[in-house]
Each structure stands twice: as structure tokens, then as C-alpha cells.
């Protein structure tokens, strides 16, 4: 009978040790989670897009496309789908499609102001090139 009492006591002691270890483990996991979140958030920006905005899309690449462009576009935001997804469509007439994508694959599109060759430029300037 004394053995059964000592076994029961050792089980309760081991369960309290297990509870303490489990609590310590949970605290360590949570602390690590917070550190990882801070590191992740350093490199992220929150983007919010409206319907009609132009965006670039990080198109998934298949195979070895070392020199291919990272982003394709511009695409037009059709509507938001949930908090972090958007429905986009292409701006070209020949390849019109609609796709739902996550915000982390989108970047705002800024139109470039490329200089044009003016018609009234002198012949000397054009001969140099």
C-alpha cells in the first residue's frame, strides 16, 4: 500500500513538473513568435489599394528565369476581396483575365515620364548619336 501512495505522489510531482515545463515552453514559444514578428514587420509595408488603381503583379516564375522581370503589369484593381486579397485584371485587350491575388504580390504602379525626342531638335544633336 505504501508503494501505491508513493507512486501516486511521484505521479503528481511529475505532473506539476510537467505543468511547469509546459508553461515555460509556451512562454518561450510566444517570445520567439514576437521576435519573429518584429523581424518580419521590418521588411513589410502595408499597402491598401482602391478599385481602379494600377498595380504591378509578382508573377510566379517557372523554371530558370534569371533575367526575366520580377513584376508584370500594369494591372487594374477590380475590387478588394477580403482584408488582404484583391481582384485584378489586365489592361491589355488581347489578354483580358481576372485573378484574385494576395496583397504581398502587388506593388503600386507609377507611370514613368520618359523623355521624348522633340521634332524641333537641331541636326547637330541627332548626328552625335
C-alpha atoms as a PDB file:
ATOM      1  CA  UNK A   1       0.000   0.000   0.000  1.00  0.00           C
ATOM      2  CA  UNK A   2       2.871   2.344   0.733  1.00  0.00           C
ATOM      3  CA  UNK A   3       4.165   1.728  -2.771  1.00  0.00           C
ATOM      4  CA  UNK A   4       0.894   2.798  -4.369  1.00  0.00           C
ATOM      5  CA  UNK A   5       0.871   6.024  -2.323  1.00  0.00           C
ATOM      6  CA  UNK A   6       4.455   6.800  -3.300  1.00  0.00           C
ATOM      7  CA  UNK A   7       3.632   6.072  -6.957  1.00  0.00           C
ATOM      8  CA  UNK A   8       0.648   8.400  -6.797  1.00  0.00           C
ATOM      9  CA  UNK A   9       2.763  11.081  -5.126  1.00  0.00           C
ATOM     10  CA  UNK A  10       5.518  10.744  -7.723  1.00  0.00           C
ATOM     11  CA  UNK A  11       2.908  10.977 -10.492  1.00  0.00           C
ATOM     12  CA  UNK A  12       1.501  14.181  -9.025  1.00  0.00           C
ATOM     13  CA  UNK A  13       5.003  15.579  -8.639  1.00  0.00           C
ATOM     14  CA  UNK A  14       5.860  14.684 -12.200  1.00  0.00           C
ATOM     15  CA  UNK A  15       2.639  16.244 -13.427  1.00  0.00           C
ATOM     16  CA  UNK A  16       3.459  19.501 -11.599  1.00  0.00           C
ATOM     17  CA  UNK A  17       6.938  19.393 -13.133  1.00  0.00           C
ATOM     18  CA  UNK A  18       5.353  18.743 -16.499  1.00  0.00           C
ATOM     19  CA  UNK A  19       2.981  21.663 -15.989  1.00  0.00           C
ATOM     20  CA  UNK A  20       5.888  23.958 -15.109  1.00  0.00           C
ATOM     21  CA  UNK A  21       7.862  22.763 -18.124  1.00  0.00           C
ATOM     22  CA  UNK A  22       4.830  23.164 -20.361  1.00  0.00           C
ATOM     23  CA  UNK A  23       4.281  26.708 -19.092  1.00  0.00           C
ATOM     24  CA  UNK A  24       7.966  27.532 -19.664  1.00  0.00           C
ATOM     25  CA  UNK A  25       7.769  26.045 -23.145  1.00  0.00           C
ATOM     26  CA  UNK A  26       4.669  28.085 -24.004  1.00  0.00           C
ATOM     27  CA  UNK A  27       6.347  31.286 -22.778  1.00  0.00           C
ATOM     28  CA  UNK A  28       9.439  30.579 -24.885  1.00  0.00           C
ATOM     29  CA  UNK A  29       7.362  29.832 -27.975  1.00  0.00           C
ATOM     30  CA  UNK A  30       5.397  33.065 -27.532  1.00  0.00           C
ATOM     31  CA  UNK A  31       8.579  35.131 -27.007  1.00  0.00           C
ATOM     32  CA  UNK A  32      10.116  33.609 -30.146  1.00  0.00           C
ATOM     33  CA  UNK A  33       6.918  34.340 -32.055  1.00  0.00           C
ATOM     34  CA  UNK A  34       7.088  38.025 -31.063  1.00  0.00           C
ATOM     35  CA  UNK A  35      10.743  38.265 -32.126  1.00  0.00           C
ATOM     36  CA  UNK A  36       9.963  36.687 -35.497  1.00  0.00           C
ATOM     37  CA  UNK A  37       7.002  39.023 -35.996  1.00  0.00           C
ATOM     38  CA  UNK A  38       9.166  42.089 -35.343  1.00  0.00           C
ATOM     39  CA  UNK A  39      11.791  40.847 -37.811  1.00  0.00           C
ATOM     40  CA  UNK A  40       9.104  40.119 -40.425  1.00  0.00           C
ATOM     41  CA  UNK A  41       7.432  43.507 -39.970  1.00  0.00           C
ATOM     42  CA  UNK A  42      10.713  45.375 -40.553  1.00  0.00           C
ATOM     43  CA  UNK A  43      10.603  44.446 -44.247  1.00  0.00           C
ATOM     44  CA  UNK A  44       6.879  44.828 -44.879  1.00  0.00           C
ATOM     45  CA  UNK A  45       4.775  47.806 -45.839  1.00  0.00           C
ATOM     46  CA  UNK A  46       1.046  47.885 -45.630  1.00  0.00           C
ATOM     47  CA  UNK A  47      -0.491  48.680 -48.993  1.00  0.00           C
ATOM     48  CA  UNK A  48      -4.119  49.472 -49.451  1.00  0.00           C
ATOM     49  CA  UNK A  49      -5.478  49.764 -52.957  1.00  0.00           C
ATOM     50  CA  UNK A  50      -8.735  51.165 -54.266  1.00  0.00           C
ATOM     51  CA  UNK A  51     -10.762  49.953 -57.236  1.00  0.00           C
ATOM     52  CA  UNK A  52      -9.220  51.390 -60.410  1.00  0.00           C
ATOM     53  CA  UNK A  53      -5.654  51.683 -59.053  1.00  0.00           C
ATOM     54  CA  UNK A  54      -2.821  50.444 -61.269  1.00  0.00           C
ATOM     55  CA  UNK A  55      -0.526  47.821 -59.752  1.00  0.00           C
ATOM     56  CA  UNK A  56       2.359  45.553 -60.709  1.00  0.00           C
ATOM     57  CA  UNK A  57       1.984  41.827 -60.035  1.00  0.00           C
ATOM     58  CA  UNK A  58       4.759  39.494 -58.864  1.00  0.00           C
ATOM     59  CA  UNK A  59       4.042  36.753 -61.389  1.00  0.00           C
ATOM     60  CA  UNK A  60       5.125  33.255 -60.279  1.00  0.00           C
ATOM     61  CA  UNK A  61       8.072  32.056 -62.344  1.00  0.00           C
ATOM     62  CA  UNK A  62       8.508  28.512 -63.598  1.00  0.00           C
ATOM     63  CA  UNK A  63      11.944  27.162 -64.348  1.00  0.00           C
ATOM     64  CA  UNK A  64      15.120  29.202 -64.572  1.00  0.00           C
ATOM     65  CA  UNK A  65      14.240  32.779 -65.484  1.00  0.00           C
ATOM     66  CA  UNK A  66      17.261  34.525 -64.117  1.00  0.00           C
ATOM     67  CA  UNK A  67      16.968  37.645 -66.256  1.00  0.00           C
ATOM     68  CA  UNK A  68      13.192  37.834 -66.570  1.00  0.00           C
ATOM     69  CA  UNK A  69      11.384  40.783 -64.987  1.00  0.00           C
ATOM     70  CA  UNK A  70      10.193  40.316 -61.427  1.00  0.00           C
ATOM     71  CA  UNK A  71       6.916  42.197 -61.799  1.00  0.00           C
ATOM     72  CA  UNK A  72       4.479  42.241 -64.701  1.00  0.00           C
ATOM     73  CA  UNK A  73       1.828  44.775 -65.428  1.00  0.00           C
ATOM     74  CA  UNK A  74       0.268  47.190 -65.036  1.00  0.00           C
ATOM     75  CA  UNK A  75      -2.944  45.566 -63.864  1.00  0.00           C
ATOM     76  CA  UNK A  76      -6.106  47.285 -62.663  1.00  0.00           C
ATOM     77  CA  UNK A  77      -7.628  46.611 -59.252  1.00  0.00           C
ATOM     78  CA  UNK A  78     -11.225  45.494 -59.838  1.00  0.00           C
ATOM     79  CA  UNK A  79     -12.291  45.200 -56.195  1.00  0.00           C
ATOM     80  CA  UNK A  80     -10.949  44.150 -52.795  1.00  0.00           C
ATOM     81  CA  UNK A  81     -11.702  40.568 -51.777  1.00  0.00           C
ATOM     82  CA  UNK A  82     -11.459  40.338 -48.009  1.00  0.00           C
ATOM     83  CA  UNK A  83      -8.860  42.214 -45.997  1.00  0.00           C
ATOM     84  CA  UNK A  84      -5.667  41.166 -47.817  1.00  0.00           C
ATOM     85  CA  UNK A  85      -6.706  39.981 -51.302  1.00  0.00           C
ATOM     86  CA  UNK A  86      -7.599  41.918 -54.433  1.00  0.00           C
ATOM     87  CA  UNK A  87      -9.167  41.012 -57.735  1.00  0.00           C
ATOM     88  CA  UNK A  88      -7.041  42.288 -60.628  1.00  0.00           C
ATOM     89  CA  UNK A  89      -7.478  42.342 -64.395  1.00  0.00           C
ATOM     90  CA  UNK A  90      -5.057  43.057 -67.202  1.00  0.00           C
ATOM     91  CA  UNK A  91      -5.083  46.382 -69.000  1.00  0.00           C
ATOM     92  CA  UNK A  92      -4.449  44.952 -72.468  1.00  0.00           C
ATOM     93  CA  UNK A  93      -7.352  43.967 -74.684  1.00  0.00           C
ATOM     94  CA  UNK A  94      -5.795  40.808 -76.150  1.00  0.00           C
ATOM     95  CA  UNK A  95      -5.058  39.127 -72.794  1.00  0.00           C
ATOM     96  CA  UNK A  96      -8.001  40.007 -70.588  1.00  0.00           C
ATOM     97  CA  UNK A  97      -8.216  37.897 -67.468  1.00  0.00           C
ATOM     98  CA  UNK A  98      -9.265  38.324 -63.864  1.00  0.00           C
ATOM     99  CA  UNK A  99      -7.350  36.858 -60.945  1.00  0.00           C
ATOM    100  CA  UNK A 100      -7.541  37.110 -57.142  1.00  0.00           C
ATOM    101  CA  UNK A 101      -4.109  37.759 -55.597  1.00  0.00           C
ATOM    102  CA  UNK A 102      -2.678  38.447 -52.155  1.00  0.00           C
ATOM    103  CA  UNK A 103      -1.519  41.977 -51.364  1.00  0.00           C
ATOM    104  CA  UNK A 104       2.082  40.845 -50.782  1.00  0.00           C
ATOM    105  CA  UNK A 105       2.345  40.043 -54.516  1.00  0.00           C
ATOM    106  CA  UNK A 106       1.259  43.552 -55.563  1.00  0.00           C
ATOM    107  CA  UNK A 107       3.199  46.794 -55.833  1.00  0.00           C
ATOM    108  CA  UNK A 108       1.825  50.220 -56.730  1.00  0.00           C
ATOM    109  CA  UNK A 109       2.443  51.186 -60.352  1.00  0.00           C
ATOM    110  CA  UNK A 110       3.952  54.584 -61.043  1.00  0.00           C
ATOM    111  CA  UNK A 111       3.873  55.750 -64.645  1.00  0.00           C
ATOM    112  CA  UNK A 112       7.275  56.796 -65.936  1.00  0.00           C
ATOM    113  CA  UNK A 113       7.761  60.168 -67.535  1.00  0.00           C
ATOM    114  CA  UNK A 114      10.091  59.153 -70.343  1.00  0.00           C
ATOM    115  CA  UNK A 115      11.585  61.994 -72.332  1.00  0.00           C
ATOM    116  CA  UNK A 116      10.647  62.120 -75.990  1.00  0.00           C
ATOM    117  CA  UNK A 117      12.772  63.355 -78.863  1.00  0.00           C
ATOM    118  CA  UNK A 118      11.480  66.718 -79.856  1.00  0.00           C
ATOM    119  CA  UNK A 119      10.812  67.349 -83.515  1.00  0.00           C
ATOM    120  CA  UNK A 120      12.491  70.750 -83.477  1.00  0.00           C
ATOM    121  CA  UNK A 121      15.874  69.468 -82.262  1.00  0.00           C
ATOM    122  CA  UNK A 122      18.881  70.544 -84.284  1.00  0.00           C
ATOM    123  CA  UNK A 123      20.670  68.239 -86.691  1.00  0.00           C
ATOM    124  CA  UNK A 124      23.904  68.504 -84.698  1.00  0.00           C
ATOM    125  CA  UNK A 125      22.324  66.861 -81.666  1.00  0.00           C
ATOM    126  CA  UNK A 126      20.929  63.953 -83.656  1.00  0.00           C
ATOM    127  CA  UNK A 127      24.168  63.409 -85.613  1.00  0.00           C
ATOM    128  CA  UNK A 128      26.156  62.816 -82.424  1.00  0.00           C
ATOM    129  CA  UNK A 129      24.157  59.729 -81.610  1.00  0.00           C
END
